[in-house]
Amino acid sequence: MTFTPSILLVGCGNMGRALLDGWLAAKVVAPGQVTVADPVAEVPAGVAQVDTIPAGRFDLTVLAIKPQQLDAVAPSLAAASAGGVLLSILAGVAVERLAAAAAAAR
């Protein structure tokens, strides 16, 4: 039996898109495993795209937004990342602030 993780990529600007392209090129994920929450990004074929963070649980949630956007996404972050791994590439944002943002949404 193979584990097929579900991944939510929040933000698909330069850094988010680089991550996504790398995952797909290396074939560590299939396009159908990834959902991108970004209203303006162009994503590869087969990758689901939504305007806002969807309700539902993801095995991995990757925050690839600008640090100043954290407070705006925090209310919907907990539902998506509950029970899964939350990975942040937000520059200069302490783990304590990420934990508080995720907890505030619960």
N, C-alpha and C. Protein backbone atom coordinates (compact mmCIF):
# COMPACT_ATOMS: atom_id res chain seq x y z
N MET A 1 0.83 -1.17 0.00
CA MET A 1 0.00 0.00 0.00
C MET A 1 0.89 1.24 0.00
N THR A 2 0.57 2.21 -0.83
CA THR A 2 1.35 3.42 -0.95
C THR A 2 0.58 4.59 -0.35
N PHE A 3 1.28 5.40 0.40
CA PHE A 3 0.69 6.61 0.98
C PHE A 3 0.72 7.72 -0.06
N THR A 4 -0.41 8.33 -0.31
CA THR A 4 -0.51 9.43 -1.27
C THR A 4 -0.96 10.67 -0.51
N PRO A 5 -0.01 11.52 -0.12
CA PRO A 5 -0.38 12.68 0.70
C PRO A 5 -1.14 13.73 -0.10
N SER A 6 -2.00 14.44 0.61
CA SER A 6 -2.68 15.59 0.00
C SER A 6 -1.93 16.83 0.47
N ILE A 7 -1.66 17.73 -0.47
CA ILE A 7 -0.84 18.91 -0.19
C ILE A 7 -1.62 20.16 -0.53
N LEU A 8 -1.60 21.12 0.38
CA LEU A 8 -2.16 22.43 0.14
C LEU A 8 -1.01 23.42 0.09
N LEU A 9 -0.87 24.09 -1.03
CA LEU A 9 0.15 25.13 -1.20
C LEU A 9 -0.57 26.47 -1.13
N VAL A 10 -0.32 27.21 -0.06
CA VAL A 10 -0.96 28.51 0.13
C VAL A 10 -0.02 29.58 -0.41
N GLY A 11 -0.34 30.09 -1.57
CA GLY A 11 0.51 31.06 -2.25
C GLY A 11 1.34 30.37 -3.31
N CYS A 12 1.26 30.89 -4.51
CA CYS A 12 2.02 30.27 -5.61
C CYS A 12 2.70 31.37 -6.43
N GLY A 13 3.38 32.26 -5.70
CA GLY A 13 4.19 33.29 -6.34
C GLY A 13 5.53 32.68 -6.74
N ASN A 14 6.58 33.45 -6.72
CA ASN A 14 7.89 32.95 -7.15
C ASN A 14 8.36 31.74 -6.34
N MET A 15 8.32 31.84 -5.01
CA MET A 15 8.81 30.75 -4.18
C MET A 15 7.86 29.55 -4.19
N GLY A 16 6.57 29.80 -4.07
CA GLY A 16 5.60 28.71 -4.10
C GLY A 16 5.64 27.96 -5.42
N ARG A 17 5.74 28.70 -6.51
CA ARG A 17 5.77 28.06 -7.82
C ARG A 17 7.06 27.26 -8.00
N ALA A 18 8.18 27.76 -7.47
CA ALA A 18 9.43 27.02 -7.54
C ALA A 18 9.31 25.69 -6.80
N LEU A 19 8.68 25.71 -5.63
CA LEU A 19 8.46 24.47 -4.89
C LEU A 19 7.59 23.51 -5.70
N LEU A 20 6.47 24.01 -6.20
CA LEU A 20 5.54 23.18 -6.95
C LEU A 20 6.21 22.59 -8.19
N ASP A 21 6.90 23.41 -8.94
CA ASP A 21 7.57 22.91 -10.15
C ASP A 21 8.61 21.85 -9.80
N GLY A 22 9.33 22.06 -8.70
CA GLY A 22 10.33 21.08 -8.27
C GLY A 22 9.71 19.76 -7.88
N TRP A 23 8.60 19.81 -7.12
CA TRP A 23 7.91 18.58 -6.72
C TRP A 23 7.44 17.80 -7.94
N LEU A 24 6.84 18.53 -8.89
CA LEU A 24 6.30 17.86 -10.08
C LEU A 24 7.41 17.33 -10.98
N ALA A 25 8.48 18.10 -11.16
CA ALA A 25 9.60 17.66 -12.00
C ALA A 25 10.29 16.42 -11.42
N ALA A 26 10.42 16.40 -10.10
CA ALA A 26 11.06 15.26 -9.44
C ALA A 26 10.11 14.09 -9.27
N LYS A 27 8.84 14.31 -9.60
CA LYS A 27 7.80 13.29 -9.48
C LYS A 27 7.64 12.77 -8.06
N VAL A 28 7.85 13.67 -7.09
CA VAL A 28 7.60 13.29 -5.71
C VAL A 28 6.13 13.42 -5.37
N VAL A 29 5.39 14.18 -6.18
CA VAL A 29 3.94 14.27 -6.07
C VAL A 29 3.36 14.28 -7.47
N ALA A 30 2.12 13.86 -7.55
CA ALA A 30 1.38 13.93 -8.81
C ALA A 30 0.53 15.20 -8.77
N PRO A 31 0.22 15.78 -9.92
CA PRO A 31 -0.57 17.00 -9.93
C PRO A 31 -1.88 16.89 -9.14
N GLY A 32 -2.51 15.75 -9.15
CA GLY A 32 -3.77 15.56 -8.47
C GLY A 32 -3.68 15.57 -6.95
N GLN A 33 -2.47 15.51 -6.41
CA GLN A 33 -2.29 15.53 -4.96
C GLN A 33 -2.21 16.94 -4.40
N VAL A 34 -2.06 17.92 -5.28
CA VAL A 34 -1.78 19.29 -4.85
C VAL A 34 -2.98 20.20 -5.11
N THR A 35 -3.31 21.00 -4.11
CA THR A 35 -4.28 22.08 -4.26
C THR A 35 -3.55 23.38 -3.99
N VAL A 36 -3.70 24.34 -4.88
CA VAL A 36 -3.06 25.65 -4.71
C VAL A 36 -4.14 26.65 -4.32
N ALA A 37 -3.92 27.32 -3.20
CA ALA A 37 -4.81 28.39 -2.75
C ALA A 37 -4.16 29.72 -3.10
N ASP A 38 -4.52 30.23 -4.26
CA ASP A 38 -3.99 31.50 -4.75
C ASP A 38 -4.91 31.97 -5.87
N PRO A 39 -5.54 33.12 -5.71
CA PRO A 39 -6.52 33.55 -6.70
C PRO A 39 -5.94 34.00 -8.03
N VAL A 40 -4.67 34.31 -8.11
CA VAL A 40 -4.13 34.87 -9.35
C VAL A 40 -3.04 34.03 -10.01
N ALA A 41 -2.56 33.02 -9.36
CA ALA A 41 -1.47 32.22 -9.91
C ALA A 41 -1.93 31.38 -11.09
N GLU A 42 -1.01 31.11 -11.97
CA GLU A 42 -1.26 30.14 -13.04
C GLU A 42 -0.58 28.86 -12.62
N VAL A 43 -1.34 27.77 -12.58
CA VAL A 43 -0.81 26.51 -12.11
C VAL A 43 -0.77 25.49 -13.24
N PRO A 44 0.10 24.49 -13.13
CA PRO A 44 0.19 23.46 -14.17
C PRO A 44 -1.11 22.66 -14.30
N ALA A 45 -1.30 22.07 -15.44
CA ALA A 45 -2.47 21.23 -15.68
C ALA A 45 -2.55 20.11 -14.65
N GLY A 46 -3.76 19.85 -14.19
CA GLY A 46 -3.99 18.78 -13.24
C GLY A 46 -3.89 19.20 -11.79
N VAL A 47 -3.35 20.39 -11.52
CA VAL A 47 -3.25 20.90 -10.16
C VAL A 47 -4.51 21.71 -9.88
N ALA A 48 -5.20 21.37 -8.80
CA ALA A 48 -6.41 22.10 -8.42
C ALA A 48 -6.04 23.49 -7.91
N GLN A 49 -6.88 24.46 -8.26
CA GLN A 49 -6.63 25.82 -7.80
C GLN A 49 -7.91 26.39 -7.22
N VAL A 50 -7.77 27.03 -6.05
CA VAL A 50 -8.90 27.66 -5.38
C VAL A 50 -8.50 29.08 -4.99
N ASP A 51 -9.50 29.93 -4.78
CA ASP A 51 -9.23 31.32 -4.42
C ASP A 51 -8.83 31.49 -2.96
N THR A 52 -9.42 30.69 -2.10
CA THR A 52 -9.16 30.79 -0.67
C THR A 52 -8.82 29.41 -0.11
N ILE A 53 -8.33 29.39 1.11
CA ILE A 53 -7.98 28.12 1.74
C ILE A 53 -9.26 27.31 1.95
N PRO A 54 -9.30 26.11 1.39
CA PRO A 54 -10.52 25.31 1.50
C PRO A 54 -10.65 24.63 2.86
N ALA A 55 -11.89 24.41 3.26
CA ALA A 55 -12.13 23.62 4.46
C ALA A 55 -11.81 22.17 4.11
N GLY A 56 -11.25 21.47 5.00
CA GLY A 56 -10.86 20.08 4.76
C GLY A 56 -9.45 19.88 5.25
N ARG A 57 -9.11 18.66 5.48
CA ARG A 57 -7.80 18.34 6.04
C ARG A 57 -6.81 17.97 4.96
N PHE A 58 -5.60 18.51 5.07
CA PHE A 58 -4.51 18.18 4.17
C PHE A 58 -3.38 17.57 4.99
N ASP A 59 -2.66 16.63 4.40
CA ASP A 59 -1.53 16.02 5.10
C ASP A 59 -0.39 17.01 5.28
N LEU A 60 -0.20 17.88 4.29
CA LEU A 60 0.85 18.89 4.33
C LEU A 60 0.27 20.20 3.85
N THR A 61 0.44 21.24 4.66
CA THR A 61 0.06 22.59 4.27
C THR A 61 1.33 23.41 4.23
N VAL A 62 1.63 23.99 3.07
CA VAL A 62 2.84 24.80 2.90
C VAL A 62 2.43 26.26 2.75
N LEU A 63 2.92 27.09 3.65
CA LEU A 63 2.67 28.52 3.57
C LEU A 63 3.78 29.17 2.76
N ALA A 64 3.42 29.68 1.60
CA ALA A 64 4.39 30.34 0.71
C ALA A 64 3.84 31.71 0.32
N ILE A 65 3.40 32.44 1.34
CA ILE A 65 2.84 33.77 1.14
C ILE A 65 3.81 34.79 1.69
N LYS A 66 3.48 36.05 1.51
CA LYS A 66 4.28 37.11 2.11
C LYS A 66 3.96 37.16 3.60
N PRO A 67 4.97 37.43 4.44
CA PRO A 67 4.74 37.42 5.90
C PRO A 67 3.57 38.31 6.33
N GLN A 68 3.38 39.44 5.69
CA GLN A 68 2.31 40.34 6.08
C GLN A 68 0.92 39.80 5.75
N GLN A 69 0.84 38.70 5.01
CA GLN A 69 -0.45 38.08 4.68
C GLN A 69 -0.88 37.03 5.69
N LEU A 70 -0.02 36.71 6.65
CA LEU A 70 -0.32 35.64 7.61
C LEU A 70 -1.60 35.89 8.38
N ASP A 71 -1.80 37.09 8.87
CA ASP A 71 -3.00 37.37 9.66
C ASP A 71 -4.27 37.18 8.84
N ALA A 72 -4.21 37.45 7.55
CA ALA A 72 -5.39 37.30 6.69
C ALA A 72 -5.75 35.84 6.46
N VAL A 73 -4.76 34.95 6.40
CA VAL A 73 -5.05 33.53 6.13
C VAL A 73 -5.24 32.73 7.41
N ALA A 74 -4.84 33.28 8.55
CA ALA A 74 -4.91 32.54 9.81
C ALA A 74 -6.29 31.99 10.14
N PRO A 75 -7.37 32.73 9.93
CA PRO A 75 -8.69 32.17 10.31
C PRO A 75 -9.04 30.87 9.61
N SER A 76 -8.57 30.65 8.41
CA SER A 76 -8.92 29.41 7.71
C SER A 76 -7.79 28.39 7.72
N LEU A 77 -6.70 28.71 8.36
CA LEU A 77 -5.54 27.84 8.36
C LEU A 77 -5.73 26.58 9.20
N ALA A 78 -6.37 26.69 10.34
CA ALA A 78 -6.50 25.55 11.25
C ALA A 78 -7.25 24.39 10.64
N ALA A 79 -8.33 24.65 9.92
CA ALA A 79 -9.12 23.57 9.34
C ALA A 79 -8.32 22.80 8.30
N ALA A 80 -7.50 23.49 7.55
CA ALA A 80 -6.73 22.83 6.50
C ALA A 80 -5.55 22.05 7.06
N SER A 81 -4.95 22.55 8.13
CA SER A 81 -3.71 21.92 8.63
C SER A 81 -3.91 21.04 9.85
N ALA A 82 -5.11 20.96 10.39
CA ALA A 82 -5.35 20.16 11.60
C ALA A 82 -4.96 18.71 11.37
N GLY A 83 -4.10 18.21 12.22
CA GLY A 83 -3.67 16.82 12.14
C GLY A 83 -2.59 16.56 11.11
N GLY A 84 -2.25 17.56 10.32
CA GLY A 84 -1.21 17.41 9.31
C GLY A 84 0.01 18.24 9.68
N VAL A 85 0.91 18.34 8.74
CA VAL A 85 2.14 19.10 8.94
C VAL A 85 1.95 20.49 8.34
N LEU A 86 2.36 21.50 9.09
CA LEU A 86 2.34 22.87 8.61
C LEU A 86 3.79 23.29 8.38
N LEU A 87 4.10 23.65 7.16
CA LEU A 87 5.45 24.05 6.78
C LEU A 87 5.38 25.48 6.29
N SER A 88 6.25 26.33 6.80
CA SER A 88 6.25 27.74 6.44
C SER A 88 7.58 28.13 5.83
N ILE A 89 7.51 28.92 4.75
CA ILE A 89 8.72 29.52 4.21
C ILE A 89 8.64 31.04 4.35
N LEU A 90 7.84 31.50 5.31
CA LEU A 90 7.69 32.93 5.56
C LEU A 90 8.95 33.47 6.21
N ALA A 91 9.58 34.41 5.55
CA ALA A 91 10.82 35.00 6.06
C ALA A 91 10.54 35.82 7.31
N GLY A 92 11.34 35.60 8.33
CA GLY A 92 11.28 36.42 9.53
C GLY A 92 10.10 36.17 10.44
N VAL A 93 9.32 35.12 10.21
CA VAL A 93 8.17 34.83 11.06
C VAL A 93 8.55 33.71 12.03
N ALA A 94 8.50 34.01 13.30
CA ALA A 94 8.89 33.05 14.33
C ALA A 94 7.86 31.93 14.43
N VAL A 95 8.32 30.78 14.86
CA VAL A 95 7.46 29.61 15.04
C VAL A 95 6.33 29.95 16.02
N GLU A 96 6.62 30.72 17.03
CA GLU A 96 5.61 31.10 18.01
C GLU A 96 4.46 31.88 17.35
N ARG A 97 4.79 32.74 16.40
CA ARG A 97 3.75 33.51 15.71
C ARG A 97 2.92 32.59 14.81
N LEU A 98 3.57 31.64 14.16
CA LEU A 98 2.83 30.68 13.34
C LEU A 98 1.89 29.85 14.21
N ALA A 99 2.40 29.38 15.34
CA ALA A 99 1.57 28.58 16.24
C ALA A 99 0.39 29.40 16.75
N ALA A 100 0.63 30.64 17.09
CA ALA A 100 -0.46 31.51 17.58
C ALA A 100 -1.50 31.74 16.48
N ALA A 101 -1.04 31.94 15.25
CA ALA A 101 -1.97 32.17 14.14
C ALA A 101 -2.83 30.93 13.90
N ALA A 102 -2.22 29.77 13.93
CA ALA A 102 -2.97 28.53 13.72
C ALA A 102 -3.91 28.26 14.89
N ALA A 103 -3.47 28.52 16.10
CA ALA A 103 -4.29 28.29 17.29
C ALA A 103 -5.47 29.27 17.36
N ALA A 104 -5.25 30.49 16.93
CA ALA A 104 -6.30 31.51 16.99
C ALA A 104 -7.46 31.14 16.10
N ALA A 105 -7.18 30.38 15.07
CA ALA A 105 -8.23 29.99 14.14
C ALA A 105 -9.06 28.83 14.67
N ARG A 106 -8.58 28.14 15.69
CA ARG A 106 -9.29 26.95 16.20
C ARG A 106 -10.37 27.29 17.14
